[in-house]
Amino acid sequence: MHSISLTHGPALSLTRQLVRTEPLEDAQKAPVQKAVRATNELLRHFWGCYPLTTPARCEKAARVLSAIDKWNRGLTGKSTRLLHEAVISRLEVALRHGKATIVASQQQQQQQKSR
């Protein structure tokens, strides 16, 4: 196995984690690069909401989490097989963390309002 780098753009850190036993063909690179860039963008917006200190941040985190969930479920076929487990696991970490923290933060803010 060897590491490959598909691009020198913003997705470089994630594309370096792609591990294959043979090199990617040019036709395979574009969908993988697109998936990595989209994953990076979603995660950047999600983690940018933290700490969840305001209702607006909670709402944005919930919206982005919904988009992450939809994106994660939509990753199928050859692109998914080409994505390294670390990329997919970053989406799953955000989903688990978000589901736990967004609800708790919203409940806490509602309790503070009712006092």
PDB file of N, CA and C in Angstrom:
ATOM      1  N   MET A   1       0.833  -1.182   0.000  1.00  0.00           N
ATOM      2  CA  MET A   1       0.000   0.000   0.000  1.00  0.00           C
ATOM      3  C   MET A   1       0.871   1.238   0.000  1.00  0.00           C
ATOM      4  N   HIS A   2       0.361   2.276  -0.642  1.00  0.00           N
ATOM      5  CA  HIS A   2       1.093   3.517  -0.655  1.00  0.00           C
ATOM      6  C   HIS A   2       0.123   4.680  -0.573  1.00  0.00           C
ATOM      7  N   SER A   3       0.607   5.793  -0.089  1.00  0.00           N
ATOM      8  CA  SER A   3      -0.184   6.997   0.022  1.00  0.00           C
ATOM      9  C   SER A   3      -0.160   7.724  -1.308  1.00  0.00           C
ATOM     10  N   ILE A   4      -1.269   8.361  -1.644  1.00  0.00           N
ATOM     11  CA  ILE A   4      -1.293   9.148  -2.859  1.00  0.00           C
ATOM     12  C   ILE A   4      -1.778  10.547  -2.539  1.00  0.00           C
ATOM     13  N   SER A   5      -1.362  11.493  -3.313  1.00  0.00           N
ATOM     14  CA  SER A   5      -1.841  12.851  -3.188  1.00  0.00           C
ATOM     15  C   SER A   5      -2.536  13.210  -4.483  1.00  0.00           C
ATOM     16  N   LEU A   6      -3.803  13.566  -4.405  1.00  0.00           N
ATOM     17  CA  LEU A   6      -4.567  13.849  -5.610  1.00  0.00           C
ATOM     18  C   LEU A   6      -4.517  15.308  -6.009  1.00  0.00           C
ATOM     19  N   THR A   7      -4.231  16.179  -5.074  1.00  0.00           N
ATOM     20  CA  THR A   7      -4.311  17.605  -5.337  1.00  0.00           C
ATOM     21  C   THR A   7      -3.398  18.369  -4.393  1.00  0.00           C
ATOM     22  N   HIS A   8      -3.141  19.596  -4.740  1.00  0.00           N
ATOM     23  CA  HIS A   8      -2.381  20.465  -3.842  1.00  0.00           C
ATOM     24  C   HIS A   8      -3.285  21.539  -3.253  1.00  0.00           C
ATOM     25  N   GLY A   9      -4.601  21.358  -3.355  1.00  0.00           N
ATOM     26  CA  GLY A   9      -5.572  22.330  -2.865  1.00  0.00           C
ATOM     27  C   GLY A   9      -5.927  22.100  -1.410  1.00  0.00           C
ATOM     28  N   PRO A  10      -7.088  22.637  -0.973  1.00  0.00           N
ATOM     29  CA  PRO A  10      -7.502  22.562   0.429  1.00  0.00           C
ATOM     30  C   PRO A  10      -7.750  21.149   0.925  1.00  0.00           C
ATOM     31  N   ALA A  11      -7.981  20.234   0.041  1.00  0.00           N
ATOM     32  CA  ALA A  11      -8.265  18.862   0.465  1.00  0.00           C
ATOM     33  C   ALA A  11      -6.995  18.025   0.590  1.00  0.00           C
ATOM     34  N   LEU A  12      -5.846  18.655   0.497  1.00  0.00           N
ATOM     35  CA  LEU A  12      -4.583  17.919   0.491  1.00  0.00           C
ATOM     36  C   LEU A  12      -4.419  17.026   1.709  1.00  0.00           C
ATOM     37  N   SER A  13      -4.756  17.538   2.893  1.00  0.00           N
ATOM     38  CA  SER A  13      -4.544  16.729   4.097  1.00  0.00           C
ATOM     39  C   SER A  13      -5.375  15.458   4.077  1.00  0.00           C
ATOM     40  N   LEU A  14      -6.600  15.534   3.572  1.00  0.00           N
ATOM     41  CA  LEU A  14      -7.433  14.339   3.524  1.00  0.00           C
ATOM     42  C   LEU A  14      -7.043  13.420   2.374  1.00  0.00           C
ATOM     43  N   THR A  15      -6.650  14.001   1.237  1.00  0.00           N
ATOM     44  CA  THR A  15      -6.321  13.145   0.107  1.00  0.00           C
ATOM     45  C   THR A  15      -5.036  12.377   0.362  1.00  0.00           C
ATOM     46  N   ARG A  16      -4.172  12.889   1.195  1.00  0.00           N
ATOM     47  CA  ARG A  16      -2.965  12.145   1.543  1.00  0.00           C
ATOM     48  C   ARG A  16      -3.294  10.889   2.331  1.00  0.00           C
ATOM     49  N   GLN A  17      -4.482  10.867   2.950  1.00  0.00           N
ATOM     50  CA  GLN A  17      -4.864   9.706   3.742  1.00  0.00           C
ATOM     51  C   GLN A  17      -5.487   8.600   2.889  1.00  0.00           C
ATOM     52  N   LEU A  18      -5.750   8.890   1.623  1.00  0.00           N
ATOM     53  CA  LEU A  18      -6.298   7.859   0.749  1.00  0.00           C
ATOM     54  C   LEU A  18      -5.222   6.818   0.489  1.00  0.00           C
ATOM     55  N   VAL A  19      -5.549   5.598   0.733  1.00  0.00           N
ATOM     56  CA  VAL A  19      -4.575   4.532   0.565  1.00  0.00           C
ATOM     57  C   VAL A  19      -5.138   3.520  -0.424  1.00  0.00           C
ATOM     58  N   ARG A  20      -4.363   3.208  -1.416  1.00  0.00           N
ATOM     59  CA  ARG A  20      -4.779   2.264  -2.438  1.00  0.00           C
ATOM     60  C   ARG A  20      -3.629   1.303  -2.709  1.00  0.00           C
ATOM     61  N   THR A  21      -3.968   0.179  -3.270  1.00  0.00           N
ATOM     62  CA  THR A  21      -2.925  -0.751  -3.656  1.00  0.00           C
ATOM     63  C   THR A  21      -2.434  -0.466  -5.067  1.00  0.00           C
ATOM     64  N   GLU A  22      -3.229   0.253  -5.858  1.00  0.00           N
ATOM     65  CA  GLU A  22      -2.778   0.669  -7.178  1.00  0.00           C
ATOM     66  C   GLU A  22      -3.146   2.134  -7.369  1.00  0.00           C
ATOM     67  N   PRO A  23      -2.456   2.850  -8.259  1.00  0.00           N
ATOM     68  CA  PRO A  23      -2.745   4.278  -8.451  1.00  0.00           C
ATOM     69  C   PRO A  23      -4.143   4.498  -9.029  1.00  0.00           C
ATOM     70  N   LEU A  24      -4.701   5.661  -8.732  1.00  0.00           N
ATOM     71  CA  LEU A  24      -6.003   6.017  -9.292  1.00  0.00           C
ATOM     72  C   LEU A  24      -5.844   6.447 -10.742  1.00  0.00           C
ATOM     73  N   GLU A  25      -6.815   6.083 -11.546  1.00  0.00           N
ATOM     74  CA  GLU A  25      -6.846   6.571 -12.920  1.00  0.00           C
ATOM     75  C   GLU A  25      -7.422   7.976 -12.893  1.00  0.00           C
ATOM     76  N   ASP A  26      -7.133   8.757 -13.936  1.00  0.00           N
ATOM     77  CA  ASP A  26      -7.612  10.135 -13.985  1.00  0.00           C
ATOM     78  C   ASP A  26      -9.125  10.228 -13.837  1.00  0.00           C
ATOM     79  N   ALA A  27      -9.855   9.305 -14.430  1.00  0.00           N
ATOM     80  CA  ALA A  27     -11.318   9.323 -14.347  1.00  0.00           C
ATOM     81  C   ALA A  27     -11.814   9.100 -12.923  1.00  0.00           C
ATOM     82  N   GLN A  28     -11.019   8.450 -12.080  1.00  0.00           N
ATOM     83  CA  GLN A  28     -11.416   8.182 -10.700  1.00  0.00           C
ATOM     84  C   GLN A  28     -11.086   9.347  -9.772  1.00  0.00           C
ATOM     85  N   LYS A  29     -10.124  10.172 -10.148  1.00  0.00           N
ATOM     86  CA  LYS A  29      -9.671  11.243  -9.256  1.00  0.00           C
ATOM     87  C   LYS A  29     -10.740  12.306  -9.018  1.00  0.00           C
ATOM     88  N   ALA A  30     -11.426  12.724 -10.063  1.00  0.00           N
ATOM     89  CA  ALA A  30     -12.394  13.824  -9.935  1.00  0.00           C
ATOM     90  C   ALA A  30     -13.486  13.540  -8.912  1.00  0.00           C
ATOM     91  N   PRO A  31     -14.166  12.378  -8.955  1.00  0.00           N
ATOM     92  CA  PRO A  31     -15.209  12.149  -7.955  1.00  0.00           C
ATOM     93  C   PRO A  31     -14.663  12.046  -6.529  1.00  0.00           C
ATOM     94  N   VAL A  32     -13.474  11.506  -6.387  1.00  0.00           N
ATOM     95  CA  VAL A  32     -12.876  11.400  -5.056  1.00  0.00           C
ATOM     96  C   VAL A  32     -12.513  12.784  -4.542  1.00  0.00           C
ATOM     97  N   GLN A  33     -11.909  13.608  -5.392  1.00  0.00           N
ATOM     98  CA  GLN A  33     -11.563  14.972  -4.988  1.00  0.00           C
ATOM     99  C   GLN A  33     -12.808  15.757  -4.607  1.00  0.00           C
ATOM    100  N   LYS A  34     -13.874  15.603  -5.382  1.00  0.00           N
ATOM    101  CA  LYS A  34     -15.124  16.307  -5.093  1.00  0.00           C
ATOM    102  C   LYS A  34     -15.685  15.875  -3.737  1.00  0.00           C
ATOM    103  N   ALA A  35     -15.665  14.583  -3.465  1.00  0.00           N
ATOM    104  CA  ALA A  35     -16.180  14.074  -2.191  1.00  0.00           C
ATOM    105  C   ALA A  35     -15.346  14.567  -1.019  1.00  0.00           C
ATOM    106  N   VAL A  36     -14.036  14.606  -1.174  1.00  0.00           N
ATOM    107  CA  VAL A  36     -13.159  15.070  -0.099  1.00  0.00           C
ATOM    108  C   VAL A  36     -13.372  16.555   0.159  1.00  0.00           C
ATOM    109  N   ARG A  37     -13.471  17.354  -0.906  1.00  0.00           N
ATOM    110  CA  ARG A  37     -13.699  18.801  -0.729  1.00  0.00           C
ATOM    111  C   ARG A  37     -15.039  19.068  -0.058  1.00  0.00           C
ATOM    112  N   ALA A  38     -16.075  18.361  -0.480  1.00  0.00           N
ATOM    113  CA  ALA A  38     -17.401  18.544   0.118  1.00  0.00           C
ATOM    114  C   ALA A  38     -17.398  18.134   1.592  1.00  0.00           C
ATOM    115  N   THR A  39     -16.725  17.032   1.886  1.00  0.00           N
ATOM    116  CA  THR A  39     -16.620  16.579   3.274  1.00  0.00           C
ATOM    117  C   THR A  39     -15.909  17.625   4.120  1.00  0.00           C
ATOM    118  N   ASN A  40     -14.792  18.139   3.625  1.00  0.00           N
ATOM    119  CA  ASN A  40     -14.052  19.178   4.351  1.00  0.00           C
ATOM    120  C   ASN A  40     -14.915  20.402   4.609  1.00  0.00           C
ATOM    121  N   GLU A  41     -15.654  20.830   3.611  1.00  0.00           N
ATOM    122  CA  GLU A  41     -16.478  22.035   3.743  1.00  0.00           C
ATOM    123  C   GLU A  41     -17.584  21.838   4.776  1.00  0.00           C
ATOM    124  N   LEU A  42     -18.255  20.709   4.716  1.00  0.00           N
ATOM    125  CA  LEU A  42     -19.307  20.438   5.702  1.00  0.00           C
ATOM    126  C   LEU A  42     -18.740  20.400   7.115  1.00  0.00           C
ATOM    127  N   LEU A  43     -17.624  19.711   7.295  1.00  0.00           N
ATOM    128  CA  LEU A  43     -17.027  19.614   8.630  1.00  0.00           C
ATOM    129  C   LEU A  43     -16.510  20.958   9.121  1.00  0.00           C
ATOM    130  N   ARG A  44     -15.992  21.774   8.222  1.00  0.00           N
ATOM    131  CA  ARG A  44     -15.520  23.114   8.611  1.00  0.00           C
ATOM    132  C   ARG A  44     -16.682  23.941   9.160  1.00  0.00           C
ATOM    133  N   HIS A  45     -17.814  23.915   8.457  1.00  0.00           N
ATOM    134  CA  HIS A  45     -18.982  24.658   8.925  1.00  0.00           C
ATOM    135  C   HIS A  45     -19.520  24.091  10.243  1.00  0.00           C
ATOM    136  N   PHE A  46     -19.529  22.764  10.364  1.00  0.00           N
ATOM    137  CA  PHE A  46     -20.048  22.145  11.586  1.00  0.00           C
ATOM    138  C   PHE A  46     -19.196  22.510  12.795  1.00  0.00           C
ATOM    139  N   TRP A  47     -17.894  22.249  12.730  1.00  0.00           N
ATOM    140  CA  TRP A  47     -17.041  22.503  13.887  1.00  0.00           C
ATOM    141  C   TRP A  47     -16.890  23.998  14.162  1.00  0.00           C
ATOM    142  N   GLY A  48     -17.142  24.832  13.162  1.00  0.00           N
ATOM    143  CA  GLY A  48     -17.116  26.284  13.366  1.00  0.00           C
ATOM    144  C   GLY A  48     -18.253  26.780  14.247  1.00  0.00           C
ATOM    145  N   CYS A  49     -19.266  25.971  14.453  1.00  0.00           N
ATOM    146  CA  CYS A  49     -20.401  26.347  15.314  1.00  0.00           C
ATOM    147  C   CYS A  49     -20.062  26.214  16.800  1.00  0.00           C
ATOM    148  N   TYR A  50     -19.020  25.499  17.116  1.00  0.00           N
ATOM    149  CA  TYR A  50     -18.680  25.235  18.517  1.00  0.00           C
ATOM    150  C   TYR A  50     -17.762  26.303  19.065  1.00  0.00           C
ATOM    151  N   PRO A  51     -17.942  26.654  20.338  1.00  0.00           N
ATOM    152  CA  PRO A  51     -18.892  26.114  21.320  1.00  0.00           C
ATOM    153  C   PRO A  51     -20.311  26.601  21.023  1.00  0.00           C
ATOM    154  N   LEU A  52     -21.278  25.798  21.396  1.00  0.00           N
ATOM    155  CA  LEU A  52     -22.688  26.115  21.164  1.00  0.00           C
ATOM    156  C   LEU A  52     -23.174  27.075  22.247  1.00  0.00           C
ATOM    157  N   THR A  53     -22.816  28.326  22.101  1.00  0.00           N
ATOM    158  CA  THR A  53     -23.095  29.311  23.150  1.00  0.00           C
ATOM    159  C   THR A  53     -24.339  30.146  22.891  1.00  0.00           C
ATOM    160  N   THR A  54     -24.885  30.088  21.678  1.00  0.00           N
ATOM    161  CA  THR A  54     -26.079  30.872  21.354  1.00  0.00           C
ATOM    162  C   THR A  54     -27.088  29.996  20.616  1.00  0.00           C
ATOM    163  N   PRO A  55     -28.348  30.397  20.649  1.00  0.00           N
ATOM    164  CA  PRO A  55     -29.355  29.645  19.886  1.00  0.00           C
ATOM    165  C   PRO A  55     -29.035  29.615  18.380  1.00  0.00           C
ATOM    166  N   ALA A  56     -28.491  30.701  17.867  1.00  0.00           N
ATOM    167  CA  ALA A  56     -28.151  30.745  16.437  1.00  0.00           C
ATOM    168  C   ALA A  56     -27.095  29.700  16.086  1.00  0.00           C
ATOM    169  N   ARG A  57     -26.099  29.548  16.950  1.00  0.00           N
ATOM    170  CA  ARG A  57     -25.072  28.530  16.706  1.00  0.00           C
ATOM    171  C   ARG A  57     -25.662  27.125  16.777  1.00  0.00           C
ATOM    172  N   CYS A  58     -26.559  26.896  17.717  1.00  0.00           N
ATOM    173  CA  CYS A  58     -27.217  25.586  17.827  1.00  0.00           C
ATOM    174  C   CYS A  58     -28.025  25.287  16.571  1.00  0.00           C
ATOM    175  N   GLU A  59     -28.755  26.296  16.096  1.00  0.00           N
ATOM    176  CA  GLU A  59     -29.567  26.102  14.902  1.00  0.00           C
ATOM    177  C   GLU A  59     -28.700  25.812  13.685  1.00  0.00           C
ATOM    178  N   LYS A  60     -27.603  26.563  13.546  1.00  0.00           N
ATOM    179  CA  LYS A  60     -26.709  26.333  12.413  1.00  0.00           C
ATOM    180  C   LYS A  60     -26.078  24.945  12.510  1.00  0.00           C
ATOM    181  N   ALA A  61     -25.640  24.559  13.703  1.00  0.00           N
ATOM    182  CA  ALA A  61     -25.036  23.234  13.884  1.00  0.00           C
ATOM    183  C   ALA A  61     -26.040  22.147  13.525  1.00  0.00           C
ATOM    184  N   ALA A  62     -27.302  22.324  13.907  1.00  0.00           N
ATOM    185  CA  ALA A  62     -28.339  21.338  13.589  1.00  0.00           C
ATOM    186  C   ALA A  62     -28.563  21.254  12.079  1.00  0.00           C
ATOM    187  N   ARG A  63     -28.584  22.419  11.402  1.00  0.00           N
ATOM    188  CA  ARG A  63     -28.757  22.424   9.942  1.00  0.00           C
ATOM    189  C   ARG A  63     -27.590  21.724   9.245  1.00  0.00           C
ATOM    190  N   VAL A  64     -26.376  22.068   9.673  1.00  0.00           N
ATOM    191  CA  VAL A  64     -25.196  21.468   9.054  1.00  0.00           C
ATOM    192  C   VAL A  64     -25.150  19.974   9.365  1.00  0.00           C
ATOM    193  N   LEU A  65     -25.526  19.597  10.572  1.00  0.00           N
ATOM    194  CA  LEU A  65     -25.545  18.179  10.937  1.00  0.00           C
ATOM    195  C   LEU A  65     -26.517  17.408  10.049  1.00  0.00           C
ATOM    196  N   SER A  66     -27.655  18.006   9.745  1.00  0.00           N
ATOM    197  CA  SER A  66     -28.613  17.378   8.839  1.00  0.00           C
ATOM    198  C   SER A  66     -27.992  17.191   7.451  1.00  0.00           C
ATOM    199  N   ALA A  67     -27.262  18.200   6.979  1.00  0.00           N
ATOM    200  CA  ALA A  67     -26.587  18.091   5.678  1.00  0.00           C
ATOM    201  C   ALA A  67     -25.491  17.024   5.712  1.00  0.00           C
ATOM    202  N   ILE A  68     -24.770  16.931   6.828  1.00  0.00           N
ATOM    203  CA  ILE A  68     -23.724  15.906   6.975  1.00  0.00           C
ATOM    204  C   ILE A  68     -24.352  14.520   6.927  1.00  0.00           C
ATOM    205  N   ASP A  69     -25.466  14.353   7.622  1.00  0.00           N
ATOM    206  CA  ASP A  69     -26.143  13.057   7.642  1.00  0.00           C
ATOM    207  C   ASP A  69     -26.595  12.673   6.234  1.00  0.00           C
ATOM    208  N   LYS A  70     -27.183  13.619   5.516  1.00  0.00           N
ATOM    209  CA  LYS A  70     -27.633  13.366   4.145  1.00  0.00           C
ATOM    210  C   LYS A  70     -26.444  13.035   3.243  1.00  0.00           C
ATOM    211  N   TRP A  71     -25.357  13.792   3.369  1.00  0.00           N
ATOM    212  CA  TRP A  71     -24.153  13.559   2.565  1.00  0.00           C
ATOM    213  C   TRP A  71     -23.561  12.184   2.874  1.00  0.00           C
ATOM    214  N   ASN A  72     -23.477  11.854   4.153  1.00  0.00           N
ATOM    215  CA  ASN A  72     -22.902  10.577   4.574  1.00  0.00           C
ATOM    216  C   ASN A  72     -23.711   9.402   4.014  1.00  0.00           C
ATOM    217  N   ARG A  73     -25.035   9.515   4.043  1.00  0.00           N
ATOM    218  CA  ARG A  73     -25.880   8.447   3.504  1.00  0.00           C
ATOM    219  C   ARG A  73     -25.784   8.356   1.988  1.00  0.00           C
ATOM    220  N   GLY A  74     -25.461   9.477   1.342  1.00  0.00           N
ATOM    221  CA  GLY A  74     -25.387   9.507  -0.114  1.00  0.00           C
ATOM    222  C   GLY A  74     -24.065   9.037  -0.684  1.00  0.00           C
ATOM    223  N   LEU A  75     -23.065   8.840   0.163  1.00  0.00           N
ATOM    224  CA  LEU A  75     -21.768   8.374  -0.328  1.00  0.00           C
ATOM    225  C   LEU A  75     -21.841   6.877  -0.601  1.00  0.00           C
ATOM    226  N   THR A  76     -22.008   6.548  -1.852  1.00  0.00           N
ATOM    227  CA  THR A  76     -22.113   5.138  -2.220  1.00  0.00           C
ATOM    228  C   THR A  76     -21.260   4.861  -3.443  1.00  0.00           C
ATOM    229  N   GLY A  77     -21.109   3.618  -3.737  1.00  0.00           N
ATOM    230  CA  GLY A  77     -20.428   3.215  -4.954  1.00  0.00           C
ATOM    231  C   GLY A  77     -18.931   3.369  -4.903  1.00  0.00           C
ATOM    232  N   LYS A  78     -18.373   3.587  -6.080  1.00  0.00           N
ATOM    233  CA  LYS A  78     -16.927   3.609  -6.239  1.00  0.00           C
ATOM    234  C   LYS A  78     -16.269   4.731  -5.434  1.00  0.00           C
ATOM    235  N   SER A  79     -16.891   5.906  -5.378  1.00  0.00           N
ATOM    236  CA  SER A  79     -16.299   7.013  -4.620  1.00  0.00           C
ATOM    237  C   SER A  79     -16.116   6.652  -3.160  1.00  0.00           C
ATOM    238  N   THR A  80     -17.098   5.960  -2.580  1.00  0.00           N
ATOM    239  CA  THR A  80     -16.998   5.567  -1.182  1.00  0.00           C
ATOM    240  C   THR A  80     -15.863   4.582  -0.976  1.00  0.00           C
ATOM    241  N   ARG A  81     -15.744   3.624  -1.875  1.00  0.00           N
ATOM    242  CA  ARG A  81     -14.667   2.643  -1.731  1.00  0.00           C
ATOM    243  C   ARG A  81     -13.299   3.303  -1.844  1.00  0.00           C
ATOM    244  N   LEU A  82     -13.220   4.386  -2.606  1.00  0.00           N
ATOM    245  CA  LEU A  82     -11.943   5.068  -2.780  1.00  0.00           C
ATOM    246  C   LEU A  82     -11.614   5.984  -1.596  1.00  0.00           C
ATOM    247  N   LEU A  83     -12.642   6.405  -0.876  1.00  0.00           N
ATOM    248  CA  LEU A  83     -12.396   7.258   0.288  1.00  0.00           C
ATOM    249  C   LEU A  83     -11.844   6.406   1.421  1.00  0.00           C
ATOM    250  N   HIS A  84     -10.809   6.879   2.019  1.00  0.00           N
ATOM    251  CA  HIS A  84     -10.205   6.160   3.136  1.00  0.00           C
ATOM    252  C   HIS A  84     -11.135   6.207   4.331  1.00  0.00           C
ATOM    253  N   GLU A  85     -11.066   5.219   5.166  1.00  0.00           N
ATOM    254  CA  GLU A  85     -11.901   5.135   6.361  1.00  0.00           C
ATOM    255  C   GLU A  85     -11.808   6.392   7.222  1.00  0.00           C
ATOM    256  N   ALA A  86     -10.660   7.019   7.264  1.00  0.00           N
ATOM    257  CA  ALA A  86     -10.487   8.217   8.094  1.00  0.00           C
ATOM    258  C   ALA A  86     -11.396   9.351   7.652  1.00  0.00           C
ATOM    259  N   VAL A  87     -11.647   9.474   6.360  1.00  0.00           N
ATOM    260  CA  VAL A  87     -12.523  10.528   5.858  1.00  0.00           C
ATOM    261  C   VAL A  87     -13.954  10.247   6.295  1.00  0.00           C
ATOM    262  N   ILE A  88     -14.418   9.034   6.078  1.00  0.00           N
ATOM    263  CA  ILE A  88     -15.775   8.663   6.478  1.00  0.00           C
ATOM    264  C   ILE A  88     -15.925   8.753   7.988  1.00  0.00           C
ATOM    265  N   SER A  89     -14.906   8.341   8.731  1.00  0.00           N
ATOM    266  CA  SER A  89     -15.014   8.375  10.185  1.00  0.00           C
ATOM    267  C   SER A  89     -15.118   9.801  10.708  1.00  0.00           C
ATOM    268  N   ARG A  90     -14.545  10.772  10.016  1.00  0.00           N
ATOM    269  CA  ARG A  90     -14.691  12.176  10.444  1.00  0.00           C
ATOM    270  C   ARG A  90     -16.138  12.617  10.362  1.00  0.00           C
ATOM    271  N   LEU A  91     -16.840  12.177   9.338  1.00  0.00           N
ATOM    272  CA  LEU A  91     -18.265  12.479   9.236  1.00  0.00           C
ATOM    273  C   LEU A  91     -19.032  11.822  10.383  1.00  0.00           C
ATOM    274  N   GLU A  92     -18.708  10.584  10.661  1.00  0.00           N
ATOM    275  CA  GLU A  92     -19.411   9.857  11.711  1.00  0.00           C
ATOM    276  C   GLU A  92     -19.143  10.446  13.092  1.00  0.00           C
ATOM    277  N   VAL A  93     -17.926  10.911  13.342  1.00  0.00           N
ATOM    278  CA  VAL A  93     -17.607  11.563  14.611  1.00  0.00           C
ATOM    279  C   VAL A  93     -18.448  12.824  14.767  1.00  0.00           C
ATOM    280  N   ALA A  94     -18.530  13.619  13.712  1.00  0.00           N
ATOM    281  CA  ALA A  94     -19.335  14.845  13.769  1.00  0.00           C
ATOM    282  C   ALA A  94     -20.803  14.512  14.016  1.00  0.00           C
ATOM    283  N   LEU A  95     -21.306  13.477  13.373  1.00  0.00           N
ATOM    284  CA  LEU A  95     -22.703  13.085  13.578  1.00  0.00           C
ATOM    285  C   LEU A  95     -22.964  12.679  15.022  1.00  0.00           C
ATOM    286  N   ARG A  96     -22.112  11.833  15.570  1.00  0.00           N
ATOM    287  CA  ARG A  96     -22.298  11.389  16.966  1.00  0.00           C
ATOM    288  C   ARG A  96     -22.191  12.567  17.930  1.00  0.00           C
ATOM    289  N   HIS A  97     -21.156  13.377  17.772  1.00  0.00           N
ATOM    290  CA  HIS A  97     -20.937  14.507  18.673  1.00  0.00           C
ATOM    291  C   HIS A  97     -22.089  15.508  18.558  1.00  0.00           C
ATOM    292  N   GLY A  98     -22.475  15.799  17.329  1.00  0.00           N
ATOM    293  CA  GLY A  98     -23.537  16.777  17.121  1.00  0.00           C
ATOM    294  C   GLY A  98     -24.854  16.348  17.707  1.00  0.00           C
ATOM    295  N   LYS A  99     -25.223  15.109  17.503  1.00  0.00           N
ATOM    296  CA  LYS A  99     -26.508  14.628  18.021  1.00  0.00           C
ATOM    297  C   LYS A  99     -26.547  14.735  19.543  1.00  0.00           C
ATOM    298  N   ALA A 100     -25.440  14.492  20.182  1.00  0.00           N
ATOM    299  CA  ALA A 100     -25.393  14.559  21.643  1.00  0.00           C
ATOM    300  C   ALA A 100     -25.349  15.995  22.150  1.00  0.00           C
ATOM    301  N   THR A 101     -24.540  16.822  21.541  1.00  0.00           N
ATOM    302  CA  THR A 101     -24.323  18.160  22.100  1.00  0.00           C
ATOM    303  C   THR A 101     -25.363  19.189  21.691  1.00  0.00           C
ATOM    304  N   ILE A 102     -25.902  19.091  20.499  1.00  0.00           N
ATOM    305  CA  ILE A 102     -26.877  20.089  20.048  1.00  0.00           C
ATOM    306  C   ILE A 102     -28.137  20.016  20.891  1.00  0.00           C
ATOM    307  N   VAL A 103     -28.660  18.842  21.092  1.00  0.00           N
ATOM    308  CA  VAL A 103     -29.875  18.686  21.889  1.00  0.00           C
ATOM    309  C   VAL A 103     -29.635  19.159  23.326  1.00  0.00           C
ATOM    310  N   ALA A 104     -28.528  18.764  23.913  1.00  0.00           N
ATOM    311  CA  ALA A 104     -28.218  19.174  25.289  1.00  0.00           C
ATOM    312  C   ALA A 104     -28.085  20.683  25.392  1.00  0.00           C
ATOM    313  N   SER A 105     -27.430  21.290  24.430  1.00  0.00           N
ATOM    314  CA  SER A 105     -27.243  22.740  24.457  1.00  0.00           C
ATOM    315  C   SER A 105     -28.571  23.473  24.276  1.00  0.00           C
ATOM    316  N   GLN A 106     -29.415  22.979  23.381  1.00  0.00           N
ATOM    317  CA  GLN A 106     -30.724  23.600  23.182  1.00  0.00           C
ATOM    318  C   GLN A 106     -31.581  23.494  24.438  1.00  0.00           C
ATOM    319  N   GLN A 107     -31.539  22.353  25.102  1.00  0.00           N
ATOM    320  CA  GLN A 107     -32.300  22.187  26.341  1.00  0.00           C
ATOM    321  C   GLN A 107     -31.794  23.127  27.422  1.00  0.00           C
ATOM    322  N   GLN A 108     -30.486  23.259  27.517  1.00  0.00           N
ATOM    323  CA  GLN A 108     -29.898  24.153  28.520  1.00  0.00           C
ATOM    324  C   GLN A 108     -30.299  25.602  28.258  1.00  0.00           C
ATOM    325  N   GLN A 109     -30.278  26.009  27.010  1.00  0.00           N
ATOM    326  CA  GLN A 109     -30.661  27.384  26.671  1.00  0.00           C
ATOM    327  C   GLN A 109     -32.131  27.633  26.941  1.00  0.00           C
ATOM    328  N   GLN A 110     -32.981  26.640  26.705  1.00  0.00           N
ATOM    329  CA  GLN A 110     -34.407  26.786  27.003  1.00  0.00           C
ATOM    330  C   GLN A 110     -34.643  26.906  28.496  1.00  0.00           C
ATOM    331  N   GLN A 111     -33.894  26.141  29.286  1.00  0.00           N
ATOM    332  CA  GLN A 111     -34.019  26.223  30.737  1.00  0.00           C
ATOM    333  C   GLN A 111     -33.588  27.598  31.235  1.00  0.00           C
ATOM    334  N   GLN A 112     -32.548  28.160  30.668  1.00  0.00           N
ATOM    335  CA  GLN A 112     -32.064  29.468  31.072  1.00  0.00           C
ATOM    336  C   GLN A 112     -33.088  30.545  30.720  1.00  0.00           C
ATOM    337  N   LYS A 113     -33.780  30.407  29.594  1.00  0.00           N
ATOM    338  CA  LYS A 113     -34.804  31.369  29.198  1.00  0.00           C
ATOM    339  C   LYS A 113     -35.998  31.343  30.129  1.00  0.00           C
ATOM    340  N   SER A 114     -36.344  30.137  30.607  1.00  0.00           N
ATOM    341  CA  SER A 114     -37.527  29.991  31.451  1.00  0.00           C
ATOM    342  C   SER A 114     -37.304  30.441  32.892  1.00  0.00           C
ATOM    343  N   ARG A 115     -36.068  30.713  33.252  1.00  0.00           N
ATOM    344  CA  ARG A 115     -35.784  31.158  34.630  1.00  0.00           C
ATOM    345  C   ARG A 115     -36.107  32.588  34.839  1.00  0.00           C
TER     346      ARG A 115
END
